[in-house]
Amino acid sequence: MTSTNNNLKTCNKGHTYYKNSECPTCPRCGQERKPENGFLALLSAPARRALENNGIVSLQKLSIYSEREILKFHGMGPASLPKLRSALKEEGLSFIE
């Protein structure tokens, strides 16, 4: 899987992987950290990290943000919004307007 565009990297846990960007995230560590349940388990790794890096690990915390604010987080894309809306709705919550 090597190419001239990929750089061999090693994470803190010793996993080696190739990346063509400066992103330091190890794919193997990311997979190991993926929650098995809850709303964060519904999201892609970049979207999940975007919320976690902003201290959003509960639906209650998510509900104090607007969709526009969430989309400004690095790693969060519009494809995640329907999943987040649905998870909020199941708990009787919503994004602020």
PDB file of N, CA and C in Angstrom:
ATOM      1  N   MET A   1       0.825  -1.191   0.000  1.00  0.00           N
ATOM      2  CA  MET A   1       0.000   0.000   0.000  1.00  0.00           C
ATOM      3  C   MET A   1       0.863   1.245   0.000  1.00  0.00           C
ATOM      4  N   THR A   2       2.093   1.134  -0.322  1.00  0.00           N
ATOM      5  CA  THR A   2       2.951   2.306  -0.346  1.00  0.00           C
ATOM      6  C   THR A   2       2.872   2.990  -1.691  1.00  0.00           C
ATOM      7  N   SER A   3       3.036   4.293  -1.658  1.00  0.00           N
ATOM      8  CA  SER A   3       3.134   5.074  -2.881  1.00  0.00           C
ATOM      9  C   SER A   3       3.976   6.287  -2.567  1.00  0.00           C
ATOM     10  N   THR A   4       4.328   7.036  -3.583  1.00  0.00           N
ATOM     11  CA  THR A   4       5.180   8.207  -3.356  1.00  0.00           C
ATOM     12  C   THR A   4       4.452   9.300  -2.602  1.00  0.00           C
ATOM     13  N   ASN A   5       3.135   9.262  -2.550  1.00  0.00           N
ATOM     14  CA  ASN A   5       2.357  10.283  -1.848  1.00  0.00           C
ATOM     15  C   ASN A   5       2.145   9.953  -0.380  1.00  0.00           C
ATOM     16  N   ASN A   6       2.440   8.744   0.046  1.00  0.00           N
ATOM     17  CA  ASN A   6       2.182   8.325   1.421  1.00  0.00           C
ATOM     18  C   ASN A   6       3.466   8.323   2.238  1.00  0.00           C
ATOM     19  N   ASN A   7       3.332   8.726   3.488  1.00  0.00           N
ATOM     20  CA  ASN A   7       4.449   8.724   4.417  1.00  0.00           C
ATOM     21  C   ASN A   7       4.204   7.678   5.489  1.00  0.00           C
ATOM     22  N   LEU A   8       5.223   6.891   5.797  1.00  0.00           N
ATOM     23  CA  LEU A   8       5.118   5.914   6.870  1.00  0.00           C
ATOM     24  C   LEU A   8       5.176   6.643   8.203  1.00  0.00           C
ATOM     25  N   LYS A   9       4.200   6.382   9.059  1.00  0.00           N
ATOM     26  CA  LYS A   9       4.132   7.012  10.375  1.00  0.00           C
ATOM     27  C   LYS A   9       4.003   5.932  11.427  1.00  0.00           C
ATOM     28  N   THR A  10       4.337   6.280  12.650  1.00  0.00           N
ATOM     29  CA  THR A  10       4.187   5.383  13.788  1.00  0.00           C
ATOM     30  C   THR A  10       3.511   6.164  14.905  1.00  0.00           C
ATOM     31  N   CYS A  11       2.442   5.599  15.469  1.00  0.00           N
ATOM     32  CA  CYS A  11       1.731   6.270  16.547  1.00  0.00           C
ATOM     33  C   CYS A  11       2.406   5.982  17.894  1.00  0.00           C
ATOM     34  N   ASN A  12       1.906   6.596  18.941  1.00  0.00           N
ATOM     35  CA  ASN A  12       2.456   6.423  20.293  1.00  0.00           C
ATOM     36  C   ASN A  12       2.376   4.976  20.780  1.00  0.00           C
ATOM     37  N   LYS A  13       1.416   4.219  20.243  1.00  0.00           N
ATOM     38  CA  LYS A  13       1.262   2.823  20.654  1.00  0.00           C
ATOM     39  C   LYS A  13       2.116   1.867  19.821  1.00  0.00           C
ATOM     40  N   GLY A  14       2.849   2.412  18.843  1.00  0.00           N
ATOM     41  CA  GLY A  14       3.724   1.591  18.021  1.00  0.00           C
ATOM     42  C   GLY A  14       3.101   1.066  16.741  1.00  0.00           C
ATOM     43  N   HIS A  15       1.853   1.442  16.432  1.00  0.00           N
ATOM     44  CA  HIS A  15       1.231   1.019  15.180  1.00  0.00           C
ATOM     45  C   HIS A  15       1.862   1.804  14.032  1.00  0.00           C
ATOM     46  N   THR A  16       2.177   1.125  12.954  1.00  0.00           N
ATOM     47  CA  THR A  16       2.676   1.813  11.773  1.00  0.00           C
ATOM     48  C   THR A  16       1.569   1.891  10.744  1.00  0.00           C
ATOM     49  N   TYR A  17       1.537   3.000  10.012  1.00  0.00           N
ATOM     50  CA  TYR A  17       0.501   3.232   9.014  1.00  0.00           C
ATOM     51  C   TYR A  17       1.011   4.266   8.016  1.00  0.00           C
ATOM     52  N   TYR A  18       0.377   4.310   6.868  1.00  0.00           N
ATOM     53  CA  TYR A  18       0.742   5.274   5.833  1.00  0.00           C
ATOM     54  C   TYR A  18      -0.314   6.357   5.769  1.00  0.00           C
ATOM     55  N   LYS A  19       0.120   7.601   5.659  1.00  0.00           N
ATOM     56  CA  LYS A  19      -0.788   8.738   5.496  1.00  0.00           C
ATOM     57  C   LYS A  19      -0.205   9.665   4.454  1.00  0.00           C
ATOM     58  N   ASN A  20      -1.052  10.277   3.653  1.00  0.00           N
ATOM     59  CA  ASN A  20      -0.580  11.241   2.667  1.00  0.00           C
ATOM     60  C   ASN A  20      -0.837  12.669   3.120  1.00  0.00           C
ATOM     61  N   SER A  21      -1.172  12.845   4.400  1.00  0.00           N
ATOM     62  CA  SER A  21      -1.387  14.176   4.954  1.00  0.00           C
ATOM     63  C   SER A  21      -0.620  14.283   6.263  1.00  0.00           C
ATOM     64  N   GLU A  22      -0.688  15.431   6.870  1.00  0.00           N
ATOM     65  CA  GLU A  22      -0.025  15.644   8.155  1.00  0.00           C
ATOM     66  C   GLU A  22      -0.905  15.209   9.329  1.00  0.00           C
ATOM     67  N   CYS A  23      -2.062  14.664   9.053  1.00  0.00           N
ATOM     68  CA  CYS A  23      -2.970  14.208  10.107  1.00  0.00           C
ATOM     69  C   CYS A  23      -2.272  13.153  10.964  1.00  0.00           C
ATOM     70  N   PRO A  24      -2.200  13.372  12.278  1.00  0.00           N
ATOM     71  CA  PRO A  24      -1.484  12.432  13.141  1.00  0.00           C
ATOM     72  C   PRO A  24      -2.315  11.249  13.619  1.00  0.00           C
ATOM     73  N   THR A  25      -3.558  11.152  13.191  1.00  0.00           N
ATOM     74  CA  THR A  25      -4.446  10.126  13.702  1.00  0.00           C
ATOM     75  C   THR A  25      -4.125   8.757  13.120  1.00  0.00           C
ATOM     76  N   CYS A  26      -3.867   7.818  14.004  1.00  0.00           N
ATOM     77  CA  CYS A  26      -3.591   6.441  13.618  1.00  0.00           C
ATOM     78  C   CYS A  26      -4.925   5.740  13.333  1.00  0.00           C
ATOM     79  N   PRO A  27      -5.100   5.155  12.156  1.00  0.00           N
ATOM     80  CA  PRO A  27      -6.362   4.483  11.838  1.00  0.00           C
ATOM     81  C   PRO A  27      -6.683   3.330  12.792  1.00  0.00           C
ATOM     82  N   ARG A  28      -5.668   2.582  13.189  1.00  0.00           N
ATOM     83  CA  ARG A  28      -5.898   1.444  14.091  1.00  0.00           C
ATOM     84  C   ARG A  28      -6.346   1.922  15.472  1.00  0.00           C
ATOM     85  N   CYS A  29      -5.683   2.961  16.001  1.00  0.00           N
ATOM     86  CA  CYS A  29      -6.085   3.511  17.300  1.00  0.00           C
ATOM     87  C   CYS A  29      -7.498   4.082  17.214  1.00  0.00           C
ATOM     88  N   GLY A  30      -7.804   4.726  16.094  1.00  0.00           N
ATOM     89  CA  GLY A  30      -9.144   5.279  15.902  1.00  0.00           C
ATOM     90  C   GLY A  30     -10.206   4.201  15.930  1.00  0.00           C
ATOM     91  N   GLN A  31      -9.928   3.075  15.306  1.00  0.00           N
ATOM     92  CA  GLN A  31     -10.881   1.965  15.298  1.00  0.00           C
ATOM     93  C   GLN A  31     -11.031   1.366  16.688  1.00  0.00           C
ATOM     94  N   GLU A  32      -9.941   1.283  17.420  1.00  0.00           N
ATOM     95  CA  GLU A  32      -9.996   0.747  18.789  1.00  0.00           C
ATOM     96  C   GLU A  32     -10.787   1.660  19.723  1.00  0.00           C
ATOM     97  N   ARG A  33     -10.786   2.964  19.451  1.00  0.00           N
ATOM     98  CA  ARG A  33     -11.480   3.929  20.299  1.00  0.00           C
ATOM     99  C   ARG A  33     -12.961   4.066  19.963  1.00  0.00           C
ATOM    100  N   LYS A  34     -13.403   3.507  18.844  1.00  0.00           N
ATOM    101  CA  LYS A  34     -14.786   3.691  18.407  1.00  0.00           C
ATOM    102  C   LYS A  34     -15.748   3.106  19.433  1.00  0.00           C
ATOM    103  N   PRO A  35     -16.709   3.929  19.897  1.00  0.00           N
ATOM    104  CA  PRO A  35     -17.694   3.426  20.854  1.00  0.00           C
ATOM    105  C   PRO A  35     -18.595   2.375  20.209  1.00  0.00           C
ATOM    106  N   GLU A  36     -19.064   1.448  21.012  1.00  0.00           N
ATOM    107  CA  GLU A  36     -19.939   0.396  20.500  1.00  0.00           C
ATOM    108  C   GLU A  36     -21.404   0.803  20.506  1.00  0.00           C
ATOM    109  N   ASN A  37     -21.747   1.791  21.320  1.00  0.00           N
ATOM    110  CA  ASN A  37     -23.134   2.251  21.366  1.00  0.00           C
ATOM    111  C   ASN A  37     -23.162   3.739  21.659  1.00  0.00           C
ATOM    112  N   GLY A  38     -24.350   4.291  21.628  1.00  0.00           N
ATOM    113  CA  GLY A  38     -24.507   5.721  21.830  1.00  0.00           C
ATOM    114  C   GLY A  38     -24.427   6.478  20.515  1.00  0.00           C
ATOM    115  N   PHE A  39     -24.722   7.758  20.566  1.00  0.00           N
ATOM    116  CA  PHE A  39     -24.789   8.540  19.338  1.00  0.00           C
ATOM    117  C   PHE A  39     -23.422   8.698  18.667  1.00  0.00           C
ATOM    118  N   LEU A  40     -22.342   8.686  19.427  1.00  0.00           N
ATOM    119  CA  LEU A  40     -21.016   8.809  18.823  1.00  0.00           C
ATOM    120  C   LEU A  40     -20.664   7.594  17.975  1.00  0.00           C
ATOM    121  N   ALA A  41     -21.245   6.448  18.274  1.00  0.00           N
ATOM    122  CA  ALA A  41     -20.989   5.230  17.492  1.00  0.00           C
ATOM    123  C   ALA A  41     -21.588   5.324  16.092  1.00  0.00           C
ATOM    124  N   LEU A  42     -22.525   6.230  15.884  1.00  0.00           N
ATOM    125  CA  LEU A  42     -23.176   6.389  14.584  1.00  0.00           C
ATOM    126  C   LEU A  42     -22.323   7.160  13.593  1.00  0.00           C
ATOM    127  N   LEU A  43     -21.314   7.857  14.095  1.00  0.00           N
ATOM    128  CA  LEU A  43     -20.562   8.810  13.287  1.00  0.00           C
ATOM    129  C   LEU A  43     -19.260   8.245  12.737  1.00  0.00           C
ATOM    130  N   SER A  44     -18.785   8.863  11.675  1.00  0.00           N
ATOM    131  CA  SER A  44     -17.461   8.539  11.149  1.00  0.00           C
ATOM    132  C   SER A  44     -16.416   9.006  12.159  1.00  0.00           C
ATOM    133  N   ALA A  45     -15.226   8.478  12.045  1.00  0.00           N
ATOM    134  CA  ALA A  45     -14.157   8.845  12.986  1.00  0.00           C
ATOM    135  C   ALA A  45     -13.857  10.346  12.976  1.00  0.00           C
ATOM    136  N   PRO A  46     -13.756  11.008  11.806  1.00  0.00           N
ATOM    137  CA  PRO A  46     -13.486  12.449  11.843  1.00  0.00           C
ATOM    138  C   PRO A  46     -14.598  13.252  12.526  1.00  0.00           C
ATOM    139  N   ALA A  47     -15.840  12.879  12.272  1.00  0.00           N
ATOM    140  CA  ALA A  47     -16.961  13.579  12.897  1.00  0.00           C
ATOM    141  C   ALA A  47     -16.980  13.327  14.407  1.00  0.00           C
ATOM    142  N   ARG A  48     -16.718  12.095  14.798  1.00  0.00           N
ATOM    143  CA  ARG A  48     -16.676  11.755  16.226  1.00  0.00           C
ATOM    144  C   ARG A  48     -15.573  12.542  16.933  1.00  0.00           C
ATOM    145  N   ARG A  49     -14.391  12.582  16.317  1.00  0.00           N
ATOM    146  CA  ARG A  49     -13.285  13.347  16.905  1.00  0.00           C
ATOM    147  C   ARG A  49     -13.607  14.829  16.972  1.00  0.00           C
ATOM    148  N   ALA A  50     -14.307  15.344  15.963  1.00  0.00           N
ATOM    149  CA  ALA A  50     -14.675  16.765  15.963  1.00  0.00           C
ATOM    150  C   ALA A  50     -15.514  17.101  17.184  1.00  0.00           C
ATOM    151  N   LEU A  51     -16.467  16.243  17.506  1.00  0.00           N
ATOM    152  CA  LEU A  51     -17.300  16.486  18.686  1.00  0.00           C
ATOM    153  C   LEU A  51     -16.501  16.297  19.966  1.00  0.00           C
ATOM    154  N   GLU A  52     -15.757  15.202  20.053  1.00  0.00           N
ATOM    155  CA  GLU A  52     -14.973  14.926  21.259  1.00  0.00           C
ATOM    156  C   GLU A  52     -13.960  16.040  21.535  1.00  0.00           C
ATOM    157  N   ASN A  53     -13.312  16.532  20.495  1.00  0.00           N
ATOM    158  CA  ASN A  53     -12.315  17.594  20.659  1.00  0.00           C
ATOM    159  C   ASN A  53     -12.934  18.910  21.124  1.00  0.00           C
ATOM    160  N   ASN A  54     -14.244  19.023  20.959  1.00  0.00           N
ATOM    161  CA  ASN A  54     -14.950  20.218  21.416  1.00  0.00           C
ATOM    162  C   ASN A  54     -15.753  19.946  22.685  1.00  0.00           C
ATOM    163  N   GLY A  55     -15.474  18.825  23.340  1.00  0.00           N
ATOM    164  CA  GLY A  55     -16.099  18.501  24.619  1.00  0.00           C
ATOM    165  C   GLY A  55     -17.530  18.029  24.534  1.00  0.00           C
ATOM    166  N   ILE A  56     -17.964  17.615  23.351  1.00  0.00           N
ATOM    167  CA  ILE A  56     -19.344  17.172  23.164  1.00  0.00           C
ATOM    168  C   ILE A  56     -19.369  15.651  23.172  1.00  0.00           C
ATOM    169  N   VAL A  57     -19.704  15.090  24.314  1.00  0.00           N
ATOM    170  CA  VAL A  57     -19.756  13.634  24.449  1.00  0.00           C
ATOM    171  C   VAL A  57     -21.130  13.164  24.933  1.00  0.00           C
ATOM    172  N   SER A  58     -22.079  14.084  25.015  1.00  0.00           N
ATOM    173  CA  SER A  58     -23.441  13.718  25.408  1.00  0.00           C
ATOM    174  C   SER A  58     -24.429  14.467  24.519  1.00  0.00           C
ATOM    175  N   LEU A  59     -25.615  13.908  24.389  1.00  0.00           N
ATOM    176  CA  LEU A  59     -26.652  14.574  23.597  1.00  0.00           C
ATOM    177  C   LEU A  59     -27.093  15.875  24.252  1.00  0.00           C
ATOM    178  N   GLN A  60     -27.063  15.920  25.569  1.00  0.00           N
ATOM    179  CA  GLN A  60     -27.427  17.150  26.274  1.00  0.00           C
ATOM    180  C   GLN A  60     -26.461  18.274  25.897  1.00  0.00           C
ATOM    181  N   LYS A  61     -25.182  17.965  25.851  1.00  0.00           N
ATOM    182  CA  LYS A  61     -24.183  18.963  25.475  1.00  0.00           C
ATOM    183  C   LYS A  61     -24.345  19.351  24.010  1.00  0.00           C
ATOM    184  N   LEU A  62     -24.634  18.368  23.145  1.00  0.00           N
ATOM    185  CA  LEU A  62     -24.847  18.632  21.726  1.00  0.00           C
ATOM    186  C   LEU A  62     -26.022  19.586  21.520  1.00  0.00           C
ATOM    187  N   SER A  63     -27.051  19.451  22.338  1.00  0.00           N
ATOM    188  CA  SER A  63     -28.276  20.232  22.153  1.00  0.00           C
ATOM    189  C   SER A  63     -28.116  21.724  22.454  1.00  0.00           C
ATOM    190  N   ILE A  64     -26.980  22.145  22.988  1.00  0.00           N
ATOM    191  CA  ILE A  64     -26.790  23.575  23.249  1.00  0.00           C
ATOM    192  C   ILE A  64     -26.117  24.278  22.068  1.00  0.00           C
ATOM    193  N   TYR A  65     -25.902  23.540  20.981  1.00  0.00           N
ATOM    194  CA  TYR A  65     -25.289  24.091  19.780  1.00  0.00           C
ATOM    195  C   TYR A  65     -26.301  24.142  18.642  1.00  0.00           C
ATOM    196  N   SER A  66     -26.038  25.027  17.685  1.00  0.00           N
ATOM    197  CA  SER A  66     -26.829  25.046  16.453  1.00  0.00           C
ATOM    198  C   SER A  66     -26.141  24.149  15.427  1.00  0.00           C
ATOM    199  N   GLU A  67     -26.869  23.757  14.402  1.00  0.00           N
ATOM    200  CA  GLU A  67     -26.284  22.952  13.340  1.00  0.00           C
ATOM    201  C   GLU A  67     -25.135  23.709  12.684  1.00  0.00           C
ATOM    202  N   ARG A  68     -25.316  24.992  12.501  1.00  0.00           N
ATOM    203  CA  ARG A  68     -24.273  25.817  11.870  1.00  0.00           C
ATOM    204  C   ARG A  68     -22.983  25.783  12.692  1.00  0.00           C
ATOM    205  N   GLU A  69     -23.102  25.854  14.010  1.00  0.00           N
ATOM    206  CA  GLU A  69     -21.926  25.810  14.875  1.00  0.00           C
ATOM    207  C   GLU A  69     -21.220  24.449  14.775  1.00  0.00           C
ATOM    208  N   ILE A  70     -22.010  23.390  14.752  1.00  0.00           N
ATOM    209  CA  ILE A  70     -21.446  22.036  14.669  1.00  0.00           C
ATOM    210  C   ILE A  70     -20.693  21.852  13.350  1.00  0.00           C
ATOM    211  N   LEU A  71     -21.247  22.362  12.264  1.00  0.00           N
ATOM    212  CA  LEU A  71     -20.607  22.209  10.951  1.00  0.00           C
ATOM    213  C   LEU A  71     -19.283  22.965  10.858  1.00  0.00           C
ATOM    214  N   LYS A  72     -19.049  23.913  11.726  1.00  0.00           N
ATOM    215  CA  LYS A  72     -17.780  24.656  11.713  1.00  0.00           C
ATOM    216  C   LYS A  72     -16.637  23.853  12.325  1.00  0.00           C
ATOM    217  N   PHE A  73     -16.940  22.790  13.042  1.00  0.00           N
ATOM    218  CA  PHE A  73     -15.892  21.978  13.660  1.00  0.00           C
ATOM    219  C   PHE A  73     -15.119  21.227  12.576  1.00  0.00           C
ATOM    220  N   HIS A  74     -13.801  21.256  12.673  1.00  0.00           N
ATOM    221  CA  HIS A  74     -12.954  20.535  11.731  1.00  0.00           C
ATOM    222  C   HIS A  74     -13.254  19.034  11.820  1.00  0.00           C
ATOM    223  N   GLY A  75     -13.604  18.444  10.689  1.00  0.00           N
ATOM    224  CA  GLY A  75     -13.911  17.016  10.641  1.00  0.00           C
ATOM    225  C   GLY A  75     -15.399  16.717  10.575  1.00  0.00           C
ATOM    226  N   MET A  76     -16.227  17.718  10.839  1.00  0.00           N
ATOM    227  CA  MET A  76     -17.682  17.513  10.820  1.00  0.00           C
ATOM    228  C   MET A  76     -18.213  17.887   9.444  1.00  0.00           C
ATOM    229  N   GLY A  77     -18.989  16.989   8.865  1.00  0.00           N
ATOM    230  CA  GLY A  77     -19.573  17.251   7.556  1.00  0.00           C
ATOM    231  C   GLY A  77     -21.089  17.157   7.597  1.00  0.00           C
ATOM    232  N   PRO A  78     -21.745  17.611   6.546  1.00  0.00           N
ATOM    233  CA  PRO A  78     -23.207  17.623   6.507  1.00  0.00           C
ATOM    234  C   PRO A  78     -23.841  16.237   6.560  1.00  0.00           C
ATOM    235  N   ALA A  79     -23.126  15.195   6.176  1.00  0.00           N
ATOM    236  CA  ALA A  79     -23.688  13.837   6.206  1.00  0.00           C
ATOM    237  C   ALA A  79     -23.959  13.366   7.634  1.00  0.00           C
ATOM    238  N   SER A  80     -23.295  13.963   8.607  1.00  0.00           N
ATOM    239  CA  SER A  80     -23.489  13.567  10.005  1.00  0.00           C
ATOM    240  C   SER A  80     -24.727  14.208  10.635  1.00  0.00           C
ATOM    241  N   LEU A  81     -25.184  15.306  10.078  1.00  0.00           N
ATOM    242  CA  LEU A  81     -26.303  16.016  10.699  1.00  0.00           C
ATOM    243  C   LEU A  81     -27.588  15.200  10.816  1.00  0.00           C
ATOM    244  N   PRO A  82     -28.014  14.462   9.786  1.00  0.00           N
ATOM    245  CA  PRO A  82     -29.234  13.657   9.959  1.00  0.00           C
ATOM    246  C   PRO A  82     -29.120  12.647  11.100  1.00  0.00           C
ATOM    247  N   LYS A  83     -27.950  12.046  11.265  1.00  0.00           N
ATOM    248  CA  LYS A  83     -27.739  11.084  12.356  1.00  0.00           C
ATOM    249  C   LYS A  83     -27.831  11.781  13.702  1.00  0.00           C
ATOM    250  N   LEU A  84     -27.247  12.974  13.784  1.00  0.00           N
ATOM    251  CA  LEU A  84     -27.289  13.721  15.039  1.00  0.00           C
ATOM    252  C   LEU A  84     -28.706  14.210  15.346  1.00  0.00           C
ATOM    253  N   ARG A  85     -29.407  14.699  14.322  1.00  0.00           N
ATOM    254  CA  ARG A  85     -30.801  15.141  14.525  1.00  0.00           C
ATOM    255  C   ARG A  85     -31.657  13.997  15.048  1.00  0.00           C
ATOM    256  N   SER A  86     -31.502  12.824  14.434  1.00  0.00           N
ATOM    257  CA  SER A  86     -32.288  11.657  14.830  1.00  0.00           C
ATOM    258  C   SER A  86     -31.983  11.249  16.269  1.00  0.00           C
ATOM    259  N   ALA A  87     -30.712  11.235  16.636  1.00  0.00           N
ATOM    260  CA  ALA A  87     -30.328  10.862  18.005  1.00  0.00           C
ATOM    261  C   ALA A  87     -30.891  11.860  19.008  1.00  0.00           C
ATOM    262  N   LEU A  88     -30.825  13.139  18.671  1.00  0.00           N
ATOM    263  CA  LEU A  88     -31.388  14.167  19.558  1.00  0.00           C
ATOM    264  C   LEU A  88     -32.901  13.979  19.696  1.00  0.00           C
ATOM    265  N   LYS A  89     -33.577  13.764  18.570  1.00  0.00           N
ATOM    266  CA  LYS A  89     -35.033  13.612  18.571  1.00  0.00           C
ATOM    267  C   LYS A  89     -35.480  12.441  19.448  1.00  0.00           C
ATOM    268  N   GLU A  90     -34.732  11.337  19.401  1.00  0.00           N
ATOM    269  CA  GLU A  90     -35.072  10.158  20.217  1.00  0.00           C
ATOM    270  C   GLU A  90     -35.054  10.478  21.714  1.00  0.00           C
ATOM    271  N   GLU A  91     -34.268  11.468  22.100  1.00  0.00           N
ATOM    272  CA  GLU A  91     -34.172  11.865  23.505  1.00  0.00           C
ATOM    273  C   GLU A  91     -35.007  13.099  23.818  1.00  0.00           C
ATOM    274  N   GLY A  92     -35.828  13.529  22.847  1.00  0.00           N
ATOM    275  CA  GLY A  92     -36.663  14.695  23.052  1.00  0.00           C
ATOM    276  C   GLY A  92     -35.881  16.008  23.027  1.00  0.00           C
ATOM    277  N   LEU A  93     -34.746  15.997  22.352  1.00  0.00           N
ATOM    278  CA  LEU A  93     -33.884  17.179  22.266  1.00  0.00           C
ATOM    279  C   LEU A  93     -33.759  17.625  20.811  1.00  0.00           C
ATOM    280  N   SER A  94     -33.149  18.777  20.609  1.00  0.00           N
ATOM    281  CA  SER A  94     -32.885  19.276  19.267  1.00  0.00           C
ATOM    282  C   SER A  94     -31.752  20.279  19.322  1.00  0.00           C
ATOM    283  N   PHE A  95     -31.251  20.618  18.143  1.00  0.00           N
ATOM    284  CA  PHE A  95     -30.261  21.686  18.048  1.00  0.00           C
ATOM    285  C   PHE A  95     -30.959  23.006  18.359  1.00  0.00           C
ATOM    286  N   ILE A  96     -30.203  24.000  18.832  1.00  0.00           N
ATOM    287  CA  ILE A  96     -30.800  25.317  19.025  1.00  0.00           C
ATOM    288  C   ILE A  96     -30.942  25.979  17.654  1.00  0.00           C
ATOM    289  N   GLU A  97     -31.816  26.932  17.570  1.00  0.00           N
ATOM    290  CA  GLU A  97     -32.041  27.655  16.295  1.00  0.00           C
ATOM    291  C   GLU A  97     -31.043  28.749  16.119  1.00  0.00           C
TER     292      GLU A  97
END
